[in-house]
Amino acid sequence: MSVEAGKLMRDNQGGSITNTASAAALMPGPAQAIYSITKAAIVNMTKAFAKECAIYNIRVNALLPGLTKTKFAEALFTNQQIYEGAIKRISMGRHAKPEEMAGTALYLASAASSYTNGECIVVDGGLVI
């Protein structure tokens, strides 16, 4: 999708691509090897595309959420033992709500980030620290 969006943005003299990876790209969770590997690939793709697309005035960045209560992550919330183990690793001691990702996504898509390129912004309540 990034390649096709990049072609359209190139033809329109620029744009911004925001990929979504995960904090697991930087710090794999227990029993999440494959998930973490795929998210690390998105981080690397983001950086590679950022270098290649910059000459076309296209910025490429990524949002790396931590534990966020979404339908996709439902299994982590329904198993109390897994949930409590995950929360213990987060310095803020809680999970995120999806709307807590919106500010970072908006920043990356807006002109406010006009000089931000190839960055992977972690929004995880302090998990990775």
C-alpha atoms as a PDB file:
ATOM      1  CA  MET A   1       0.000   0.000   0.000  1.00  0.00           C
ATOM      2  CA  SER A   2       2.876   2.372   0.781  1.00  0.00           C
ATOM      3  CA  VAL A   3       4.322   1.850  -2.699  1.00  0.00           C
ATOM      4  CA  GLU A   4       1.012   2.664  -4.403  1.00  0.00           C
ATOM      5  CA  ALA A   5       0.340   5.642  -2.118  1.00  0.00           C
ATOM      6  CA  GLY A   6       3.883   6.840  -2.758  1.00  0.00           C
ATOM      7  CA  LYS A   7       3.293   6.800  -6.516  1.00  0.00           C
ATOM      8  CA  LEU A   8       0.181   8.944  -6.111  1.00  0.00           C
ATOM      9  CA  MET A   9       1.974  11.323  -3.758  1.00  0.00           C
ATOM     10  CA  ARG A  10       4.935  11.589  -6.120  1.00  0.00           C
ATOM     11  CA  ASP A  11       2.570  12.565  -8.943  1.00  0.00           C
ATOM     12  CA  ASN A  12       0.976  15.161  -6.641  1.00  0.00           C
ATOM     13  CA  GLN A  13       4.296  16.688  -5.493  1.00  0.00           C
ATOM     14  CA  GLY A  14       4.424  15.195  -2.012  1.00  0.00           C
ATOM     15  CA  GLY A  15       2.628  13.772   0.953  1.00  0.00           C
ATOM     16  CA  SER A  16       2.956  11.855   4.171  1.00  0.00           C
ATOM     17  CA  ILE A  17       2.788   8.130   4.825  1.00  0.00           C
ATOM     18  CA  THR A  18       2.242   6.926   8.386  1.00  0.00           C
ATOM     19  CA  ASN A  19       2.772   3.228   8.987  1.00  0.00           C
ATOM     20  CA  THR A  20       1.546   1.477  12.105  1.00  0.00           C
ATOM     21  CA  ALA A  21       3.920  -0.973  13.747  1.00  0.00           C
ATOM     22  CA  SER A  22       4.092  -1.733  17.478  1.00  0.00           C
ATOM     23  CA  ALA A  23       6.308  -1.184  20.483  1.00  0.00           C
ATOM     24  CA  ALA A  24       6.869  -4.944  20.168  1.00  0.00           C
ATOM     25  CA  ALA A  25       9.127  -4.127  17.213  1.00  0.00           C
ATOM     26  CA  LEU A  26      11.637  -2.781  19.735  1.00  0.00           C
ATOM     27  CA  MET A  27      10.871  -4.982  22.734  1.00  0.00           C
ATOM     28  CA  PRO A  28       9.218  -8.322  21.923  1.00  0.00           C
ATOM     29  CA  GLY A  29       6.641  -9.555  24.391  1.00  0.00           C
ATOM     30  CA  PRO A  30       6.394 -13.120  25.679  1.00  0.00           C
ATOM     31  CA  ALA A  31       5.148 -15.584  23.026  1.00  0.00           C
ATOM     32  CA  GLN A  32       5.063 -12.814  20.403  1.00  0.00           C
ATOM     33  CA  ALA A  33       8.105 -13.676  18.269  1.00  0.00           C
ATOM     34  CA  ILE A  34       6.434 -13.696  14.848  1.00  0.00           C
ATOM     35  CA  TYR A  35       4.293 -10.646  15.652  1.00  0.00           C
ATOM     36  CA  SER A  36       7.369  -8.748  16.857  1.00  0.00           C
ATOM     37  CA  ILE A  37       9.395  -9.720  13.792  1.00  0.00           C
ATOM     38  CA  THR A  38       6.693  -8.450  11.424  1.00  0.00           C
ATOM     39  CA  LYS A  39       6.462  -5.165  13.315  1.00  0.00           C
ATOM     40  CA  ALA A  40      10.257  -4.763  13.209  1.00  0.00           C
ATOM     41  CA  ALA A  41      10.024  -5.236   9.444  1.00  0.00           C
ATOM     42  CA  ILE A  42       7.564  -2.324   9.275  1.00  0.00           C
ATOM     43  CA  VAL A  43      10.035  -0.152  11.202  1.00  0.00           C
ATOM     44  CA  ASN A  44      12.808  -1.033   8.743  1.00  0.00           C
ATOM     45  CA  MET A  45      10.510  -0.505   5.749  1.00  0.00           C
ATOM     46  CA  THR A  46       9.528   2.902   7.136  1.00  0.00           C
ATOM     47  CA  LYS A  47      13.154   3.989   7.369  1.00  0.00           C
ATOM     48  CA  ALA A  48      14.034   2.637   3.909  1.00  0.00           C
ATOM     49  CA  PHE A  49      11.024   4.285   2.271  1.00  0.00           C
ATOM     50  CA  ALA A  50      11.746   7.550   4.092  1.00  0.00           C
ATOM     51  CA  LYS A  51      15.178   7.682   2.464  1.00  0.00           C
ATOM     52  CA  GLU A  52      13.889   6.764  -0.984  1.00  0.00           C
ATOM     53  CA  CYS A  53      10.817   8.999  -0.989  1.00  0.00           C
ATOM     54  CA  ALA A  54      12.295  12.183   0.494  1.00  0.00           C
ATOM     55  CA  ILE A  55      13.406  13.449  -2.920  1.00  0.00           C
ATOM     56  CA  TYR A  56       9.727  13.445  -3.942  1.00  0.00           C
ATOM     57  CA  ASN A  57       8.697  15.500  -0.907  1.00  0.00           C
ATOM     58  CA  ILE A  58       7.127  12.432   0.686  1.00  0.00           C
ATOM     59  CA  ARG A  59       7.676  11.849   4.388  1.00  0.00           C
ATOM     60  CA  VAL A  60       7.418   8.325   5.771  1.00  0.00           C
ATOM     61  CA  ASN A  61       7.094   7.726   9.504  1.00  0.00           C
ATOM     62  CA  ALA A  62       5.584   5.142  11.827  1.00  0.00           C
ATOM     63  CA  LEU A  63       3.474   5.022  14.964  1.00  0.00           C
ATOM     64  CA  LEU A  64       4.464   2.296  17.442  1.00  0.00           C
ATOM     65  CA  PRO A  65       1.618   1.810  19.923  1.00  0.00           C
ATOM     66  CA  GLY A  66       1.965  -0.164  23.096  1.00  0.00           C
ATOM     67  CA  LEU A  67      -0.807  -2.220  24.677  1.00  0.00           C
ATOM     68  CA  THR A  68      -4.001  -0.640  23.367  1.00  0.00           C
ATOM     69  CA  LYS A  69      -7.527  -1.904  23.957  1.00  0.00           C
ATOM     70  CA  THR A  70      -8.613  -2.842  20.459  1.00  0.00           C
ATOM     71  CA  LYS A  71     -10.549  -5.756  19.015  1.00  0.00           C
ATOM     72  CA  PHE A  72      -7.273  -7.132  17.625  1.00  0.00           C
ATOM     73  CA  ALA A  73      -5.728  -7.238  21.125  1.00  0.00           C
ATOM     74  CA  GLU A  74      -8.851  -8.649  22.784  1.00  0.00           C
ATOM     75  CA  ALA A  75      -7.152 -11.905  23.808  1.00  0.00           C
ATOM     76  CA  LEU A  76      -4.677  -9.948  25.943  1.00  0.00           C
ATOM     77  CA  PHE A  77      -7.545  -8.328  27.831  1.00  0.00           C
ATOM     78  CA  THR A  78      -9.715 -11.402  28.389  1.00  0.00           C
ATOM     79  CA  ASN A  79      -6.957 -13.462  30.030  1.00  0.00           C
ATOM     80  CA  GLN A  80      -6.417 -11.818  33.433  1.00  0.00           C
ATOM     81  CA  GLN A  81      -2.999 -13.417  33.985  1.00  0.00           C
ATOM     82  CA  ILE A  82      -1.653 -12.222  30.621  1.00  0.00           C
ATOM     83  CA  TYR A  83      -3.186  -8.760  31.099  1.00  0.00           C
ATOM     84  CA  GLU A  84      -1.716  -8.300  34.586  1.00  0.00           C
ATOM     85  CA  GLY A  85       1.707  -9.442  33.354  1.00  0.00           C
ATOM     86  CA  ALA A  86       1.564  -6.932  30.506  1.00  0.00           C
ATOM     87  CA  ILE A  87       0.458  -4.045  32.723  1.00  0.00           C
ATOM     88  CA  LYS A  88       3.322  -4.702  35.159  1.00  0.00           C
ATOM     89  CA  ARG A  89       5.779  -3.964  32.333  1.00  0.00           C
ATOM     90  CA  ILE A  90       4.243  -0.538  31.559  1.00  0.00           C
ATOM     91  CA  SER A  91       5.592   2.278  33.737  1.00  0.00           C
ATOM     92  CA  MET A  92       2.265   4.171  33.604  1.00  0.00           C
ATOM     93  CA  GLY A  93       0.564   1.014  34.910  1.00  0.00           C
ATOM     94  CA  ARG A  94      -2.307   0.959  32.391  1.00  0.00           C
ATOM     95  CA  HIS A  95      -3.207   0.202  28.805  1.00  0.00           C
ATOM     96  CA  ALA A  96      -3.999   2.828  26.175  1.00  0.00           C
ATOM     97  CA  LYS A  97      -7.315   3.681  24.593  1.00  0.00           C
ATOM     98  CA  PRO A  98      -7.324   3.890  20.775  1.00  0.00           C
ATOM     99  CA  GLU A  99      -7.989   7.639  20.888  1.00  0.00           C
ATOM    100  CA  GLU A 100      -4.670   8.102  22.682  1.00  0.00           C
ATOM    101  CA  MET A 101      -2.930   7.241  19.408  1.00  0.00           C
ATOM    102  CA  ALA A 102      -4.808   9.929  17.476  1.00  0.00           C
ATOM    103  CA  GLY A 103      -2.616  12.888  18.480  1.00  0.00           C
ATOM    104  CA  THR A 104       0.564  11.250  17.239  1.00  0.00           C
ATOM    105  CA  ALA A 105      -1.108  10.065  14.034  1.00  0.00           C
ATOM    106  CA  LEU A 106      -2.452  13.571  13.438  1.00  0.00           C
ATOM    107  CA  TYR A 107       0.983  15.091  14.037  1.00  0.00           C
ATOM    108  CA  LEU A 108       2.618  12.722  11.552  1.00  0.00           C
ATOM    109  CA  ALA A 109      -0.029  13.395   8.891  1.00  0.00           C
ATOM    110  CA  SER A 110       0.000  17.175   9.342  1.00  0.00           C
ATOM    111  CA  ALA A 111       2.296  19.997   8.285  1.00  0.00           C
ATOM    112  CA  ALA A 112       3.405  20.227  11.930  1.00  0.00           C
ATOM    113  CA  SER A 113       5.731  17.307  11.145  1.00  0.00           C
ATOM    114  CA  SER A 114       7.041  18.768   7.887  1.00  0.00           C
ATOM    115  CA  TYR A 115      10.657  18.072   8.895  1.00  0.00           C
ATOM    116  CA  THR A 116       9.983  14.674  10.487  1.00  0.00           C
ATOM    117  CA  ASN A 117      11.042  11.812   8.241  1.00  0.00           C
ATOM    118  CA  GLY A 118      11.971   8.210   8.968  1.00  0.00           C
ATOM    119  CA  GLU A 119      10.903   8.421  12.598  1.00  0.00           C
ATOM    120  CA  CYS A 120       9.196   5.705  14.576  1.00  0.00           C
ATOM    121  CA  ILE A 121       7.317   7.304  17.439  1.00  0.00           C
ATOM    122  CA  VAL A 122       6.618   5.017  20.377  1.00  0.00           C
ATOM    123  CA  VAL A 123       3.356   5.673  22.257  1.00  0.00           C
ATOM    124  CA  ASP A 124       3.390   2.970  24.903  1.00  0.00           C
ATOM    125  CA  GLY A 125       2.967   4.428  28.383  1.00  0.00           C
ATOM    126  CA  GLY A 126       6.638   3.795  29.099  1.00  0.00           C
ATOM    127  CA  LEU A 127       6.870   0.100  28.213  1.00  0.00           C
ATOM    128  CA  VAL A 128      10.058   0.325  26.180  1.00  0.00           C
ATOM    129  CA  ILE A 129      11.925   2.484  28.691  1.00  0.00           C
END
